Amino acid sequence: MRIIAALINPEGHDYGLESVTLLNTTPDSLDLDDWAIVDKNKKRAYLSGSIGAGETLRITLSGKDVQLSNKGGIITLLDRKGLKVDGVSYTKKEASRSGWTMVF
């Protein structure tokens, strides 16, 4: 499972419009219940549902927990055991492009 993209700085107000896109690189469907996306402030957004083999899943963040800083940051994906599965980072300069989806 990989974090492949994120909309860090949506046009207009960011609240509820930021998103993270995941890619299931395995040959199996994965149950995402209790997996989490974590921001640089250690805030977590818990996932649910499943993702098929080779499929992508775009997760829209509510803004109530995880927030993607426009000043640079990290995004971490944890499995249900709390173990890091993937992580990416981005700079303030990279996040400055309003409305653009960043590919990792």
PDB file of N, CA and C in Angstrom:
ATOM      1  N   MET A   1       0.855  -1.167   0.000  1.00  0.00           N
ATOM      2  CA  MET A   1       0.000   0.000   0.000  1.00  0.00           C
ATOM      3  C   MET A   1       0.898   1.225   0.000  1.00  0.00           C
ATOM      4  N   ARG A   2       0.589   2.182  -0.859  1.00  0.00           N
ATOM      5  CA  ARG A   2       1.414   3.378  -0.991  1.00  0.00           C
ATOM      6  C   ARG A   2       0.548   4.638  -1.036  1.00  0.00           C
ATOM      7  N   ILE A   3       1.099   5.725  -0.496  1.00  0.00           N
ATOM      8  CA  ILE A   3       0.524   7.057  -0.680  1.00  0.00           C
ATOM      9  C   ILE A   3       1.098   7.553  -2.002  1.00  0.00           C
ATOM     10  N   ILE A   4       0.243   7.791  -2.992  1.00  0.00           N
ATOM     11  CA  ILE A   4       0.766   8.185  -4.303  1.00  0.00           C
ATOM     12  C   ILE A   4       0.504   9.645  -4.654  1.00  0.00           C
ATOM     13  N   ALA A   5      -0.442  10.296  -3.959  1.00  0.00           N
ATOM     14  CA  ALA A   5      -0.755  11.687  -4.284  1.00  0.00           C
ATOM     15  C   ALA A   5      -1.523  12.334  -3.140  1.00  0.00           C
ATOM     16  N   ALA A   6      -1.539  13.670  -3.143  1.00  0.00           N
ATOM     17  CA  ALA A   6      -2.325  14.413  -2.158  1.00  0.00           C
ATOM     18  C   ALA A   6      -2.676  15.786  -2.717  1.00  0.00           C
ATOM     19  N   LEU A   7      -3.891  16.208  -2.444  1.00  0.00           N
ATOM     20  CA  LEU A   7      -4.306  17.584  -2.713  1.00  0.00           C
ATOM     21  C   LEU A   7      -4.120  18.313  -1.392  1.00  0.00           C
ATOM     22  N   ILE A   8      -3.015  19.039  -1.283  1.00  0.00           N
ATOM     23  CA  ILE A   8      -2.604  19.670  -0.029  1.00  0.00           C
ATOM     24  C   ILE A   8      -3.206  21.059   0.127  1.00  0.00           C
ATOM     25  N   ASN A   9      -3.297  21.777  -0.966  1.00  0.00           N
ATOM     26  CA  ASN A   9      -3.714  23.177  -0.944  1.00  0.00           C
ATOM     27  C   ASN A   9      -4.830  23.394  -1.968  1.00  0.00           C
ATOM     28  N   PRO A  10      -6.069  22.963  -1.636  1.00  0.00           N
ATOM     29  CA  PRO A  10      -7.173  23.144  -2.574  1.00  0.00           C
ATOM     30  C   PRO A  10      -7.442  24.625  -2.834  1.00  0.00           C
ATOM     31  N   GLU A  11      -8.052  24.916  -3.961  1.00  0.00           N
ATOM     32  CA  GLU A  11      -8.438  26.305  -4.235  1.00  0.00           C
ATOM     33  C   GLU A  11      -9.484  26.727  -3.216  1.00  0.00           C
ATOM     34  N   GLY A  12      -9.385  27.966  -2.763  1.00  0.00           N
ATOM     35  CA  GLY A  12     -10.316  28.460  -1.757  1.00  0.00           C
ATOM     36  C   GLY A  12      -9.948  27.948  -0.378  1.00  0.00           C
ATOM     37  N   HIS A  13     -10.943  27.711   0.436  1.00  0.00           N
ATOM     38  CA  HIS A  13     -10.753  27.252   1.813  1.00  0.00           C
ATOM     39  C   HIS A  13     -10.362  25.780   1.819  1.00  0.00           C
ATOM     40  N   ASP A  14      -9.365  25.396   2.609  1.00  0.00           N
ATOM     41  CA  ASP A  14      -8.858  24.014   2.645  1.00  0.00           C
ATOM     42  C   ASP A  14      -9.780  23.053   3.399  1.00  0.00           C
ATOM     43  N   TYR A  15     -10.538  23.557   4.365  1.00  0.00           N
ATOM     44  CA  TYR A  15     -11.306  22.727   5.293  1.00  0.00           C
ATOM     45  C   TYR A  15     -12.242  21.771   4.547  1.00  0.00           C
ATOM     46  N   GLY A  16     -12.018  20.468   4.720  1.00  0.00           N
ATOM     47  CA  GLY A  16     -12.873  19.455   4.113  1.00  0.00           C
ATOM     48  C   GLY A  16     -12.622  19.194   2.646  1.00  0.00           C
ATOM     49  N   LEU A  17     -11.602  19.823   2.055  1.00  0.00           N
ATOM     50  CA  LEU A  17     -11.325  19.649   0.626  1.00  0.00           C
ATOM     51  C   LEU A  17      -9.978  18.988   0.347  1.00  0.00           C
ATOM     52  N   GLU A  18      -9.136  18.853   1.357  1.00  0.00           N
ATOM     53  CA  GLU A  18      -7.845  18.191   1.166  1.00  0.00           C
ATOM     54  C   GLU A  18      -8.087  16.693   0.980  1.00  0.00           C
ATOM     55  N   SER A  19      -7.183  16.030   0.244  1.00  0.00           N
ATOM     56  CA  SER A  19      -7.346  14.593   0.031  1.00  0.00           C
ATOM     57  C   SER A  19      -6.001  13.901  -0.099  1.00  0.00           C
ATOM     58  N   VAL A  20      -6.027  12.593   0.145  1.00  0.00           N
ATOM     59  CA  VAL A  20      -4.861  11.723   0.001  1.00  0.00           C
ATOM     60  C   VAL A  20      -5.298  10.543  -0.864  1.00  0.00           C
ATOM     61  N   THR A  21      -4.459  10.161  -1.833  1.00  0.00           N
ATOM     62  CA  THR A  21      -4.766   9.034  -2.708  1.00  0.00           C
ATOM     63  C   THR A  21      -3.819   7.876  -2.407  1.00  0.00           C
ATOM     64  N   LEU A  22      -4.416   6.704  -2.188  1.00  0.00           N
ATOM     65  CA  LEU A  22      -3.664   5.489  -1.880  1.00  0.00           C
ATOM     66  C   LEU A  22      -3.708   4.538  -3.071  1.00  0.00           C
ATOM     67  N   LEU A  23      -2.665   3.726  -3.226  1.00  0.00           N
ATOM     68  CA  LEU A  23      -2.604   2.678  -4.246  1.00  0.00           C
ATOM     69  C   LEU A  23      -2.312   1.354  -3.550  1.00  0.00           C
ATOM     70  N   ASN A  24      -3.181   0.375  -3.783  1.00  0.00           N
ATOM     71  CA  ASN A  24      -2.949  -0.970  -3.263  1.00  0.00           C
ATOM     72  C   ASN A  24      -2.024  -1.685  -4.242  1.00  0.00           C
ATOM     73  N   THR A  25      -0.782  -1.861  -3.871  1.00  0.00           N
ATOM     74  CA  THR A  25       0.214  -2.484  -4.742  1.00  0.00           C
ATOM     75  C   THR A  25       0.224  -4.010  -4.615  1.00  0.00           C
ATOM     76  N   THR A  26      -0.630  -4.555  -3.750  1.00  0.00           N
ATOM     77  CA  THR A  26      -0.646  -6.006  -3.528  1.00  0.00           C
ATOM     78  C   THR A  26      -1.601  -6.696  -4.508  1.00  0.00           C
ATOM     79  N   PRO A  27      -1.495  -8.033  -4.624  1.00  0.00           N
ATOM     80  CA  PRO A  27      -2.416  -8.779  -5.480  1.00  0.00           C
ATOM     81  C   PRO A  27      -3.728  -9.131  -4.775  1.00  0.00           C
ATOM     82  N   ASP A  28      -3.935  -8.608  -3.577  1.00  0.00           N
ATOM     83  CA  ASP A  28      -5.114  -8.938  -2.776  1.00  0.00           C
ATOM     84  C   ASP A  28      -5.896  -7.686  -2.396  1.00  0.00           C
ATOM     85  N   SER A  29      -7.193  -7.860  -2.178  1.00  0.00           N
ATOM     86  CA  SER A  29      -8.016  -6.797  -1.613  1.00  0.00           C
ATOM     87  C   SER A  29      -7.606  -6.618  -0.155  1.00  0.00           C
ATOM     88  N   LEU A  30      -7.551  -5.368   0.307  1.00  0.00           N
ATOM     89  CA  LEU A  30      -7.150  -5.092   1.689  1.00  0.00           C
ATOM     90  C   LEU A  30      -8.286  -4.434   2.460  1.00  0.00           C
ATOM     91  N   ASP A  31      -8.521  -4.910   3.672  1.00  0.00           N
ATOM     92  CA  ASP A  31      -9.483  -4.317   4.590  1.00  0.00           C
ATOM     93  C   ASP A  31      -8.792  -3.147   5.288  1.00  0.00           C
ATOM     94  N   LEU A  32      -9.334  -1.951   5.137  1.00  0.00           N
ATOM     95  CA  LEU A  32      -8.710  -0.747   5.698  1.00  0.00           C
ATOM     96  C   LEU A  32      -9.290  -0.331   7.052  1.00  0.00           C
ATOM     97  N   ASP A  33     -10.203  -1.114   7.593  1.00  0.00           N
ATOM     98  CA  ASP A  33     -10.773  -0.763   8.897  1.00  0.00           C
ATOM     99  C   ASP A  33      -9.660  -0.586   9.924  1.00  0.00           C
ATOM    100  N   ASP A  34      -9.691   0.540  10.612  1.00  0.00           N
ATOM    101  CA  ASP A  34      -8.738   0.903  11.672  1.00  0.00           C
ATOM    102  C   ASP A  34      -7.346   1.265  11.168  1.00  0.00           C
ATOM    103  N   TRP A  35      -7.135   1.348   9.853  1.00  0.00           N
ATOM    104  CA  TRP A  35      -5.907   1.946   9.330  1.00  0.00           C
ATOM    105  C   TRP A  35      -6.041   3.451   9.557  1.00  0.00           C
ATOM    106  N   ALA A  36      -4.931   4.193   9.485  1.00  0.00           N
ATOM    107  CA  ALA A  36      -4.996   5.634   9.746  1.00  0.00           C
ATOM    108  C   ALA A  36      -4.030   6.411   8.860  1.00  0.00           C
ATOM    109  N   ILE A  37      -4.450   7.612   8.516  1.00  0.00           N
ATOM    110  CA  ILE A  37      -3.580   8.610   7.898  1.00  0.00           C
ATOM    111  C   ILE A  37      -3.215   9.580   9.014  1.00  0.00           C
ATOM    112  N   VAL A  38      -1.927   9.916   9.118  1.00  0.00           N
ATOM    113  CA  VAL A  38      -1.430  10.753  10.209  1.00  0.00           C
ATOM    114  C   VAL A  38      -0.704  11.959   9.630  1.00  0.00           C
ATOM    115  N   ASP A  39      -0.943  13.148  10.212  1.00  0.00           N
ATOM    116  CA  ASP A  39      -0.263  14.362   9.742  1.00  0.00           C
ATOM    117  C   ASP A  39       0.967  14.654  10.600  1.00  0.00           C
ATOM    118  N   LYS A  40       1.644  15.767  10.310  1.00  0.00           N
ATOM    119  CA  LYS A  40       2.889  16.093  11.024  1.00  0.00           C
ATOM    120  C   LYS A  40       2.667  16.408  12.499  1.00  0.00           C
ATOM    121  N   ASN A  41       1.425  16.720  12.878  1.00  0.00           N
ATOM    122  CA  ASN A  41       1.096  16.991  14.279  1.00  0.00           C
ATOM    123  C   ASN A  41       0.582  15.747  15.004  1.00  0.00           C
ATOM    124  N   LYS A  42       0.724  14.589  14.356  1.00  0.00           N
ATOM    125  CA  LYS A  42       0.326  13.287  14.915  1.00  0.00           C
ATOM    126  C   LYS A  42      -1.183  13.117  15.031  1.00  0.00           C
ATOM    127  N   LYS A  43      -1.950  13.964  14.344  1.00  0.00           N
ATOM    128  CA  LYS A  43      -3.404  13.797  14.326  1.00  0.00           C
ATOM    129  C   LYS A  43      -3.744  12.690  13.331  1.00  0.00           C
ATOM    130  N   ARG A  44      -4.761  11.889  13.678  1.00  0.00           N
ATOM    131  CA  ARG A  44      -5.105  10.719  12.875  1.00  0.00           C
ATOM    132  C   ARG A  44      -6.504  10.818  12.283  1.00  0.00           C
ATOM    133  N   ALA A  45      -6.619  10.331  11.053  1.00  0.00           N
ATOM    134  CA  ALA A  45      -7.912  10.127  10.408  1.00  0.00           C
ATOM    135  C   ALA A  45      -8.016   8.624  10.165  1.00  0.00           C
ATOM    136  N   TYR A  46      -8.994   7.981  10.802  1.00  0.00           N
ATOM    137  CA  TYR A  46      -9.133   6.531  10.677  1.00  0.00           C
ATOM    138  C   TYR A  46      -9.908   6.177   9.416  1.00  0.00           C
ATOM    139  N   LEU A  47      -9.470   5.099   8.778  1.00  0.00           N
ATOM    140  CA  LEU A  47     -10.056   4.652   7.523  1.00  0.00           C
ATOM    141  C   LEU A  47     -11.017   3.499   7.779  1.00  0.00           C
ATOM    142  N   SER A  48     -11.861   3.231   6.783  1.00  0.00           N
ATOM    143  CA  SER A  48     -12.760   2.082   6.840  1.00  0.00           C
ATOM    144  C   SER A  48     -13.006   1.608   5.415  1.00  0.00           C
ATOM    145  N   GLY A  49     -13.571   0.434   5.296  1.00  0.00           N
ATOM    146  CA  GLY A  49     -13.850  -0.121   3.981  1.00  0.00           C
ATOM    147  C   GLY A  49     -12.688  -0.944   3.468  1.00  0.00           C
ATOM    148  N   SER A  50     -12.641  -1.117   2.163  1.00  0.00           N
ATOM    149  CA  SER A  50     -11.580  -1.929   1.572  1.00  0.00           C
ATOM    150  C   SER A  50     -11.124  -1.308   0.259  1.00  0.00           C
ATOM    151  N   ILE A  51      -9.999  -1.810  -0.238  1.00  0.00           N
ATOM    152  CA  ILE A  51      -9.440  -1.367  -1.510  1.00  0.00           C
ATOM    153  C   ILE A  51      -9.007  -2.623  -2.265  1.00  0.00           C
ATOM    154  N   GLY A  52      -9.454  -2.736  -3.503  1.00  0.00           N
ATOM    155  CA  GLY A  52      -9.148  -3.912  -4.306  1.00  0.00           C
ATOM    156  C   GLY A  52      -7.703  -3.952  -4.762  1.00  0.00           C
ATOM    157  N   ALA A  53      -7.267  -5.123  -5.184  1.00  0.00           N
ATOM    158  CA  ALA A  53      -5.909  -5.314  -5.698  1.00  0.00           C
ATOM    159  C   ALA A  53      -5.649  -4.363  -6.859  1.00  0.00           C
ATOM    160  N   GLY A  54      -4.548  -3.621  -6.784  1.00  0.00           N
ATOM    161  CA  GLY A  54      -4.161  -2.713  -7.857  1.00  0.00           C
ATOM    162  C   GLY A  54      -5.003  -1.455  -7.981  1.00  0.00           C
ATOM    163  N   GLU A  55      -5.943  -1.245  -7.085  1.00  0.00           N
ATOM    164  CA  GLU A  55      -6.842  -0.091  -7.167  1.00  0.00           C
ATOM    165  C   GLU A  55      -6.311   1.106  -6.388  1.00  0.00           C
ATOM    166  N   THR A  56      -6.842   2.274  -6.744  1.00  0.00           N
ATOM    167  CA  THR A  56      -6.551   3.496  -5.998  1.00  0.00           C
ATOM    168  C   THR A  56      -7.789   3.894  -5.201  1.00  0.00           C
ATOM    169  N   LEU A  57      -7.555   4.641  -4.144  1.00  0.00           N
ATOM    170  CA  LEU A  57      -8.635   5.142  -3.303  1.00  0.00           C
ATOM    171  C   LEU A  57      -8.297   6.562  -2.892  1.00  0.00           C
ATOM    172  N   ARG A  58      -9.186   7.494  -3.233  1.00  0.00           N
ATOM    173  CA  ARG A  58      -9.005   8.895  -2.843  1.00  0.00           C
ATOM    174  C   ARG A  58      -9.795   9.141  -1.565  1.00  0.00           C
ATOM    175  N   ILE A  59      -9.103   9.581  -0.534  1.00  0.00           N
ATOM    176  CA  ILE A  59      -9.714   9.827   0.767  1.00  0.00           C
ATOM    177  C   ILE A  59      -9.781  11.328   0.991  1.00  0.00           C
ATOM    178  N   THR A  60     -10.985  11.858   1.096  1.00  0.00           N
ATOM    179  CA  THR A  60     -11.164  13.278   1.391  1.00  0.00           C
ATOM    180  C   THR A  60     -11.094  13.462   2.901  1.00  0.00           C
ATOM    181  N   LEU A  61     -10.245  14.372   3.331  1.00  0.00           N
ATOM    182  CA  LEU A  61     -10.041  14.615   4.762  1.00  0.00           C
ATOM    183  C   LEU A  61     -11.065  15.627   5.268  1.00  0.00           C
ATOM    184  N   SER A  62     -11.651  15.352   6.415  1.00  0.00           N
ATOM    185  CA  SER A  62     -12.717  16.209   6.951  1.00  0.00           C
ATOM    186  C   SER A  62     -12.203  17.555   7.444  1.00  0.00           C
ATOM    187  N   GLY A  63     -10.919  17.606   7.822  1.00  0.00           N
ATOM    188  CA  GLY A  63     -10.376  18.828   8.410  1.00  0.00           C
ATOM    189  C   GLY A  63     -10.574  18.885   9.914  1.00  0.00           C
ATOM    190  N   LYS A  64     -11.317  17.928  10.468  1.00  0.00           N
ATOM    191  CA  LYS A  64     -11.560  17.889  11.910  1.00  0.00           C
ATOM    192  C   LYS A  64     -10.424  17.211  12.657  1.00  0.00           C
ATOM    193  N   ASP A  65      -9.625  16.444  11.936  1.00  0.00           N
ATOM    194  CA  ASP A  65      -8.508  15.742  12.573  1.00  0.00           C
ATOM    195  C   ASP A  65      -7.239  16.018  11.769  1.00  0.00           C
ATOM    196  N   VAL A  66      -6.950  15.224  10.768  1.00  0.00           N
ATOM    197  CA  VAL A  66      -5.759  15.432   9.935  1.00  0.00           C
ATOM    198  C   VAL A  66      -5.913  16.698   9.104  1.00  0.00           C
ATOM    199  N   GLN A  67      -4.856  17.515   9.097  1.00  0.00           N
ATOM    200  CA  GLN A  67      -4.802  18.697   8.239  1.00  0.00           C
ATOM    201  C   GLN A  67      -3.439  18.730   7.569  1.00  0.00           C
ATOM    202  N   LEU A  68      -3.435  18.949   6.260  1.00  0.00           N
ATOM    203  CA  LEU A  68      -2.189  18.992   5.498  1.00  0.00           C
ATOM    204  C   LEU A  68      -1.708  20.433   5.453  1.00  0.00           C
ATOM    205  N   SER A  69      -0.618  20.695   6.132  1.00  0.00           N
ATOM    206  CA  SER A  69      -0.097  22.053   6.259  1.00  0.00           C
ATOM    207  C   SER A  69       0.398  22.587   4.924  1.00  0.00           C
ATOM    208  N   ASN A  70       0.041  23.820   4.623  1.00  0.00           N
ATOM    209  CA  ASN A  70       0.537  24.490   3.417  1.00  0.00           C
ATOM    210  C   ASN A  70       1.965  24.988   3.602  1.00  0.00           C
ATOM    211  N   LYS A  71       2.538  24.752   4.785  1.00  0.00           N
ATOM    212  CA  LYS A  71       3.907  25.189   5.079  1.00  0.00           C
ATOM    213  C   LYS A  71       4.899  24.032   5.004  1.00  0.00           C
ATOM    214  N   GLY A  72       4.467  22.909   4.436  1.00  0.00           N
ATOM    215  CA  GLY A  72       5.296  21.707   4.364  1.00  0.00           C
ATOM    216  C   GLY A  72       4.889  20.733   5.447  1.00  0.00           C
ATOM    217  N   GLY A  73       5.131  19.456   5.207  1.00  0.00           N
ATOM    218  CA  GLY A  73       4.744  18.482   6.213  1.00  0.00           C
ATOM    219  C   GLY A  73       5.011  17.064   5.790  1.00  0.00           C
ATOM    220  N   ILE A  74       4.415  16.155   6.551  1.00  0.00           N
ATOM    221  CA  ILE A  74       4.516  14.737   6.262  1.00  0.00           C
ATOM    222  C   ILE A  74       3.127  14.124   6.302  1.00  0.00           C
ATOM    223  N   ILE A  75       2.974  13.014   5.586  1.00  0.00           N
ATOM    224  CA  ILE A  75       1.750  12.219   5.609  1.00  0.00           C
ATOM    225  C   ILE A  75       2.203  10.780   5.822  1.00  0.00           C
ATOM    226  N   THR A  76       1.646  10.132   6.833  1.00  0.00           N
ATOM    227  CA  THR A  76       2.026   8.765   7.162  1.00  0.00           C
ATOM    228  C   THR A  76       0.795   7.872   7.101  1.00  0.00           C
ATOM    229  N   LEU A  77       0.980   6.651   6.610  1.00  0.00           N
ATOM    230  CA  LEU A  77      -0.078   5.649   6.577  1.00  0.00           C
ATOM    231  C   LEU A  77       0.276   4.545   7.562  1.00  0.00           C
ATOM    232  N   LEU A  78      -0.632   4.292   8.517  1.00  0.00           N
ATOM    233  CA  LEU A  78      -0.429   3.248   9.527  1.00  0.00           C
ATOM    234  C   LEU A  78      -1.443   2.131   9.332  1.00  0.00           C
ATOM    235  N   ASP A  79      -1.010   0.888   9.538  1.00  0.00           N
ATOM    236  CA  ASP A  79      -1.952  -0.224   9.477  1.00  0.00           C
ATOM    237  C   ASP A  79      -2.712  -0.332  10.802  1.00  0.00           C
ATOM    238  N   ARG A  80      -3.591  -1.317  10.905  1.00  0.00           N
ATOM    239  CA  ARG A  80      -4.440  -1.431  12.105  1.00  0.00           C
ATOM    240  C   ARG A  80      -3.647  -1.714  13.371  1.00  0.00           C
ATOM    241  N   LYS A  81      -2.405  -2.189  13.228  1.00  0.00           N
ATOM    242  CA  LYS A  81      -1.540  -2.423  14.387  1.00  0.00           C
ATOM    243  C   LYS A  81      -0.749  -1.173  14.766  1.00  0.00           C
ATOM    244  N   GLY A  82      -0.913  -0.097  13.986  1.00  0.00           N
ATOM    245  CA  GLY A  82      -0.186   1.140  14.251  1.00  0.00           C
ATOM    246  C   GLY A  82       1.207   1.171  13.658  1.00  0.00           C
ATOM    247  N   LEU A  83       1.510   0.208  12.782  1.00  0.00           N
ATOM    248  CA  LEU A  83       2.821   0.145  12.144  1.00  0.00           C
ATOM    249  C   LEU A  83       2.834   0.972  10.864  1.00  0.00           C
ATOM    250  N   LYS A  84       3.927   1.669  10.623  1.00  0.00           N
ATOM    251  CA  LYS A  84       4.048   2.509   9.432  1.00  0.00           C
ATOM    252  C   LYS A  84       4.133   1.639   8.184  1.00  0.00           C
ATOM    253  N   VAL A  85       3.231   1.901   7.248  1.00  0.00           N
ATOM    254  CA  VAL A  85       3.197   1.195   5.975  1.00  0.00           C
ATOM    255  C   VAL A  85       3.864   2.040   4.899  1.00  0.00           C
ATOM    256  N   ASP A  86       3.639   3.360   4.944  1.00  0.00           N
ATOM    257  CA  ASP A  86       4.239   4.278   3.983  1.00  0.00           C
ATOM    258  C   ASP A  86       4.234   5.680   4.580  1.00  0.00           C
ATOM    259  N   GLY A  87       5.078   6.526   4.030  1.00  0.00           N
ATOM    260  CA  GLY A  87       5.142   7.913   4.461  1.00  0.00           C
ATOM    261  C   GLY A  87       5.751   8.768   3.372  1.00  0.00           C
ATOM    262  N   VAL A  88       5.273   9.992   3.265  1.00  0.00           N
ATOM    263  CA  VAL A  88       5.784  10.944   2.281  1.00  0.00           C
ATOM    264  C   VAL A  88       5.969  12.295   2.958  1.00  0.00           C
ATOM    265  N   SER A  89       6.769  13.145   2.338  1.00  0.00           N
ATOM    266  CA  SER A  89       6.948  14.504   2.849  1.00  0.00           C
ATOM    267  C   SER A  89       6.864  15.474   1.687  1.00  0.00           C
ATOM    268  N   TYR A  90       6.598  16.734   2.032  1.00  0.00           N
ATOM    269  CA  TYR A  90       6.512  17.785   1.021  1.00  0.00           C
ATOM    270  C   TYR A  90       6.948  19.103   1.643  1.00  0.00           C
ATOM    271  N   THR A  91       7.387  20.018   0.790  1.00  0.00           N
ATOM    272  CA  THR A  91       7.895  21.309   1.245  1.00  0.00           C
ATOM    273  C   THR A  91       6.832  22.393   1.115  1.00  0.00           C
ATOM    274  N   LYS A  92       7.105  23.534   1.720  1.00  0.00           N
ATOM    275  CA  LYS A  92       6.223  24.695   1.600  1.00  0.00           C
ATOM    276  C   LYS A  92       6.094  25.104   0.137  1.00  0.00           C
ATOM    277  N   LYS A  93       7.202  25.082  -0.587  1.00  0.00           N
ATOM    278  CA  LYS A  93       7.179  25.457  -2.006  1.00  0.00           C
ATOM    279  C   LYS A  93       6.283  24.508  -2.799  1.00  0.00           C
ATOM    280  N   GLU A  94       6.400  23.209  -2.535  1.00  0.00           N
ATOM    281  CA  GLU A  94       5.574  22.232  -3.248  1.00  0.00           C
ATOM    282  C   GLU A  94       4.094  22.402  -2.921  1.00  0.00           C
ATOM    283  N   ALA A  95       3.781  22.788  -1.692  1.00  0.00           N
ATOM    284  CA  ALA A  95       2.390  22.948  -1.263  1.00  0.00           C
ATOM    285  C   ALA A  95       1.784  24.275  -1.706  1.00  0.00           C
ATOM    286  N   SER A  96       2.590  25.166  -2.239  1.00  0.00           N
ATOM    287  CA  SER A  96       2.108  26.510  -2.570  1.00  0.00           C
ATOM    288  C   SER A  96       1.239  26.555  -3.824  1.00  0.00           C
ATOM    289  N   ARG A  97       1.224  25.498  -4.611  1.00  0.00           N
ATOM    290  CA  ARG A  97       0.447  25.480  -5.858  1.00  0.00           C
ATOM    291  C   ARG A  97      -1.012  25.154  -5.563  1.00  0.00           C
ATOM    292  N   SER A  98      -1.820  26.179  -5.431  1.00  0.00           N
ATOM    293  CA  SER A  98      -3.227  26.026  -5.083  1.00  0.00           C
ATOM    294  C   SER A  98      -3.982  25.244  -6.160  1.00  0.00           C
ATOM    295  N   GLY A  99      -4.715  24.219  -5.718  1.00  0.00           N
ATOM    296  CA  GLY A  99      -5.551  23.443  -6.621  1.00  0.00           C
ATOM    297  C   GLY A  99      -4.857  22.279  -7.311  1.00  0.00           C
ATOM    298  N   TRP A 100      -3.548  22.159  -7.143  1.00  0.00           N
ATOM    299  CA  TRP A 100      -2.788  21.099  -7.811  1.00  0.00           C
ATOM    300  C   TRP A 100      -2.670  19.881  -6.903  1.00  0.00           C
ATOM    301  N   THR A 101      -2.803  18.701  -7.494  1.00  0.00           N
ATOM    302  CA  THR A 101      -2.562  17.457  -6.774  1.00  0.00           C
ATOM    303  C   THR A 101      -1.087  17.113  -6.890  1.00  0.00           C
ATOM    304  N   MET A 102      -0.434  16.906  -5.756  1.00  0.00           N
ATOM    305  CA  MET A 102       0.984  16.554  -5.733  1.00  0.00           C
ATOM    306  C   MET A 102       1.123  15.044  -5.848  1.00  0.00           C
ATOM    307  N   VAL A 103       1.977  14.593  -6.753  1.00  0.00           N
ATOM    308  CA  VAL A 103       2.257  13.167  -6.928  1.00  0.00           C
ATOM    309  C   VAL A 103       3.568  12.843  -6.232  1.00  0.00           C
ATOM    310  N   PHE A 104       3.579  11.759  -5.454  1.00  0.00           N
ATOM    311  CA  PHE A 104       4.778  11.356  -4.718  1.00  0.00           C
ATOM    312  C   PHE A 104       5.480  10.214  -5.428  1.00  0.00           C
TER     313      PHE A 104
END
